[in-house]
Amino acid sequence: MQLSDFDFDGGSRFSAYEIIKLKGYTSWAIGLSVAKIVQSIMANSRNVFALSTNVNGIHGIHDDVYLSLPVVLGSNGVTHVVKQNLNKHEVEQFHKSCQALLNVQNGLVI
């Protein structure tokens, strides 16, 4: 399935911030999401979730950087990343995202 280009400068980019501004919180959505994730692990249901995972080895990435990707979640955690067929432009954008997050990661002092 090929997805069309998306206008990342549109309102959806900042929609979470708008929700927080209007409601003051997003705790219900976060709580429900965490409950579903825990339920999937406990039941070993192998459901697909968009979760932060190490992308080293995916689409030519050779660094330990973490991005939110669709993953299958079982009783031992992430069993595998769902394969995505990306075109050349999408792979380039993926690499740019990885580099941006790697720069942030490398700047963290722990």
C-alpha atoms as a PDB file:
ATOM      1  CA  MET A   1       0.000   0.000   0.000  1.00  0.00           C
ATOM      2  CA  GLN A   2       1.454   3.347  -1.032  1.00  0.00           C
ATOM      3  CA  LEU A   3       0.569   6.391   1.025  1.00  0.00           C
ATOM      4  CA  SER A   4       0.360   9.821  -0.515  1.00  0.00           C
ATOM      5  CA  ASP A   5       2.586  12.696   0.564  1.00  0.00           C
ATOM      6  CA  PHE A   6       1.335  14.463   3.672  1.00  0.00           C
ATOM      7  CA  ASP A   7       1.443  18.145   4.471  1.00  0.00           C
ATOM      8  CA  PHE A   8       3.572  18.085   7.616  1.00  0.00           C
ATOM      9  CA  ASP A   9       3.231  21.847   7.971  1.00  0.00           C
ATOM     10  CA  GLY A  10      -0.502  21.445   8.475  1.00  0.00           C
ATOM     11  CA  GLY A  11      -2.414  21.465  11.730  1.00  0.00           C
ATOM     12  CA  SER A  12      -1.952  17.791  12.539  1.00  0.00           C
ATOM     13  CA  ARG A  13       1.705  18.369  13.321  1.00  0.00           C
ATOM     14  CA  PHE A  14       0.746  20.359  16.410  1.00  0.00           C
ATOM     15  CA  SER A  15      -2.643  18.793  17.197  1.00  0.00           C
ATOM     16  CA  ALA A  16      -1.433  17.198  20.457  1.00  0.00           C
ATOM     17  CA  TYR A  17      -0.379  20.619  21.718  1.00  0.00           C
ATOM     18  CA  GLU A  18      -3.785  22.027  20.814  1.00  0.00           C
ATOM     19  CA  ILE A  19      -5.499  19.234  22.780  1.00  0.00           C
ATOM     20  CA  ILE A  20      -3.301  19.902  25.797  1.00  0.00           C
ATOM     21  CA  LYS A  21      -3.984  23.646  25.542  1.00  0.00           C
ATOM     22  CA  LEU A  22      -7.746  23.114  25.405  1.00  0.00           C
ATOM     23  CA  LYS A  23      -8.068  20.263  27.912  1.00  0.00           C
ATOM     24  CA  GLY A  24      -5.016  20.877  30.022  1.00  0.00           C
ATOM     25  CA  TYR A  25      -3.973  17.224  29.828  1.00  0.00           C
ATOM     26  CA  THR A  26      -4.059  14.054  27.718  1.00  0.00           C
ATOM     27  CA  SER A  27      -3.889  11.564  30.586  1.00  0.00           C
ATOM     28  CA  TRP A  28      -6.870   9.448  29.536  1.00  0.00           C
ATOM     29  CA  ALA A  29      -5.443   8.697  26.118  1.00  0.00           C
ATOM     30  CA  ILE A  30      -2.022   7.927  27.577  1.00  0.00           C
ATOM     31  CA  GLY A  31      -3.486   5.698  30.288  1.00  0.00           C
ATOM     32  CA  LEU A  32      -5.635   3.764  27.831  1.00  0.00           C
ATOM     33  CA  SER A  33      -2.682   3.287  25.486  1.00  0.00           C
ATOM     34  CA  VAL A  34      -0.461   1.976  28.272  1.00  0.00           C
ATOM     35  CA  ALA A  35      -3.236  -0.391  29.403  1.00  0.00           C
ATOM     36  CA  LYS A  36      -3.530  -1.821  25.863  1.00  0.00           C
ATOM     37  CA  ILE A  37       0.252  -2.269  25.627  1.00  0.00           C
ATOM     38  CA  VAL A  38       0.425  -4.055  28.994  1.00  0.00           C
ATOM     39  CA  GLN A  39      -2.567  -6.220  28.072  1.00  0.00           C
ATOM     40  CA  SER A  40      -0.860  -7.234  24.823  1.00  0.00           C
ATOM     41  CA  ILE A  41       2.331  -8.210  26.673  1.00  0.00           C
ATOM     42  CA  MET A  42       0.501 -10.135  29.406  1.00  0.00           C
ATOM     43  CA  ALA A  43      -1.700 -12.024  26.920  1.00  0.00           C
ATOM     44  CA  ASN A  44       1.101 -12.499  24.360  1.00  0.00           C
ATOM     45  CA  SER A  45      -1.455 -11.359  21.787  1.00  0.00           C
ATOM     46  CA  ARG A  46       1.202 -10.160  19.325  1.00  0.00           C
ATOM     47  CA  ASN A  47      -0.671  -6.966  18.454  1.00  0.00           C
ATOM     48  CA  VAL A  48       0.896  -4.186  16.397  1.00  0.00           C
ATOM     49  CA  PHE A  49       1.692  -0.888  18.139  1.00  0.00           C
ATOM     50  CA  ALA A  50       3.666   2.194  17.144  1.00  0.00           C
ATOM     51  CA  LEU A  51       6.402   2.154  19.804  1.00  0.00           C
ATOM     52  CA  SER A  52       9.898   3.549  20.160  1.00  0.00           C
ATOM     53  CA  THR A  53      12.373   0.872  19.207  1.00  0.00           C
ATOM     54  CA  ASN A  54      16.016   0.590  18.197  1.00  0.00           C
ATOM     55  CA  VAL A  55      16.204   1.016  14.408  1.00  0.00           C
ATOM     56  CA  ASN A  56      19.814  -0.141  13.988  1.00  0.00           C
ATOM     57  CA  GLY A  57      19.813  -2.327  10.865  1.00  0.00           C
ATOM     58  CA  ILE A  58      16.512  -1.028   9.481  1.00  0.00           C
ATOM     59  CA  HIS A  59      16.554   0.751   6.098  1.00  0.00           C
ATOM     60  CA  GLY A  60      20.328   1.091   6.214  1.00  0.00           C
ATOM     61  CA  ILE A  61      20.608   2.705   9.651  1.00  0.00           C
ATOM     62  CA  HIS A  62      23.834   1.736  11.446  1.00  0.00           C
ATOM     63  CA  ASP A  63      23.412   3.610  14.733  1.00  0.00           C
ATOM     64  CA  ASP A  64      21.610   2.855  17.977  1.00  0.00           C
ATOM     65  CA  VAL A  65      18.820   5.375  17.539  1.00  0.00           C
ATOM     66  CA  TYR A  66      15.227   4.956  18.671  1.00  0.00           C
ATOM     67  CA  LEU A  67      12.172   5.853  16.585  1.00  0.00           C
ATOM     68  CA  SER A  68       8.498   5.077  16.858  1.00  0.00           C
ATOM     69  CA  LEU A  69       7.726   2.357  14.321  1.00  0.00           C
ATOM     70  CA  PRO A  70       5.019  -0.296  13.986  1.00  0.00           C
ATOM     71  CA  VAL A  71       6.186  -3.299  16.002  1.00  0.00           C
ATOM     72  CA  VAL A  72       4.684  -6.633  17.000  1.00  0.00           C
ATOM     73  CA  LEU A  73       4.476  -6.845  20.779  1.00  0.00           C
ATOM     74  CA  GLY A  74       4.458 -10.181  22.616  1.00  0.00           C
ATOM     75  CA  SER A  75       5.203 -11.563  26.063  1.00  0.00           C
ATOM     76  CA  ASN A  76       8.925 -10.786  25.705  1.00  0.00           C
ATOM     77  CA  GLY A  77       8.362  -7.256  24.410  1.00  0.00           C
ATOM     78  CA  VAL A  78       9.021  -6.263  20.801  1.00  0.00           C
ATOM     79  CA  THR A  79       9.231  -9.429  18.696  1.00  0.00           C
ATOM     80  CA  HIS A  80       9.963  -7.607  15.444  1.00  0.00           C
ATOM     81  CA  VAL A  81       9.497  -4.393  13.510  1.00  0.00           C
ATOM     82  CA  VAL A  82       6.790  -4.519  10.838  1.00  0.00           C
ATOM     83  CA  LYS A  83       8.468  -4.322   7.423  1.00  0.00           C
ATOM     84  CA  GLN A  84       7.701  -1.107   5.596  1.00  0.00           C
ATOM     85  CA  ASN A  85       8.201  -0.793   1.855  1.00  0.00           C
ATOM     86  CA  LEU A  86       9.552   2.731   1.481  1.00  0.00           C
ATOM     87  CA  ASN A  87      10.392   4.508  -1.749  1.00  0.00           C
ATOM     88  CA  LYS A  88      13.706   6.340  -2.191  1.00  0.00           C
ATOM     89  CA  HIS A  89      12.337   9.675  -0.928  1.00  0.00           C
ATOM     90  CA  GLU A  90      10.804   8.037   2.148  1.00  0.00           C
ATOM     91  CA  VAL A  91      14.093   6.270   2.960  1.00  0.00           C
ATOM     92  CA  GLU A  92      15.903   9.616   2.683  1.00  0.00           C
ATOM     93  CA  GLN A  93      13.366  11.202   5.059  1.00  0.00           C
ATOM     94  CA  PHE A  94      13.737   8.239   7.425  1.00  0.00           C
ATOM     95  CA  HIS A  95      17.521   8.762   7.456  1.00  0.00           C
ATOM     96  CA  LYS A  96      17.050  12.502   8.139  1.00  0.00           C
ATOM     97  CA  SER A  97      14.753  11.723  11.073  1.00  0.00           C
ATOM     98  CA  CYS A  98      17.233   9.201  12.450  1.00  0.00           C
ATOM     99  CA  GLN A  99      20.095  11.680  12.179  1.00  0.00           C
ATOM    100  CA  ALA A 100      18.089  14.427  13.884  1.00  0.00           C
ATOM    101  CA  LEU A 101      17.182  12.153  16.790  1.00  0.00           C
ATOM    102  CA  LEU A 102      20.708  10.757  16.998  1.00  0.00           C
ATOM    103  CA  ASN A 103      22.009  14.322  17.354  1.00  0.00           C
ATOM    104  CA  VAL A 104      19.582  14.902  20.234  1.00  0.00           C
ATOM    105  CA  GLN A 105      20.484  11.542  21.794  1.00  0.00           C
ATOM    106  CA  ASN A 106      24.194  12.289  21.602  1.00  0.00           C
ATOM    107  CA  GLY A 107      23.643  15.641  23.301  1.00  0.00           C
ATOM    108  CA  LEU A 108      21.972  14.101  26.353  1.00  0.00           C
ATOM    109  CA  VAL A 109      23.930  14.083  29.575  1.00  0.00           C
ATOM    110  CA  ILE A 110      23.024  11.173  31.796  1.00  0.00           C
END
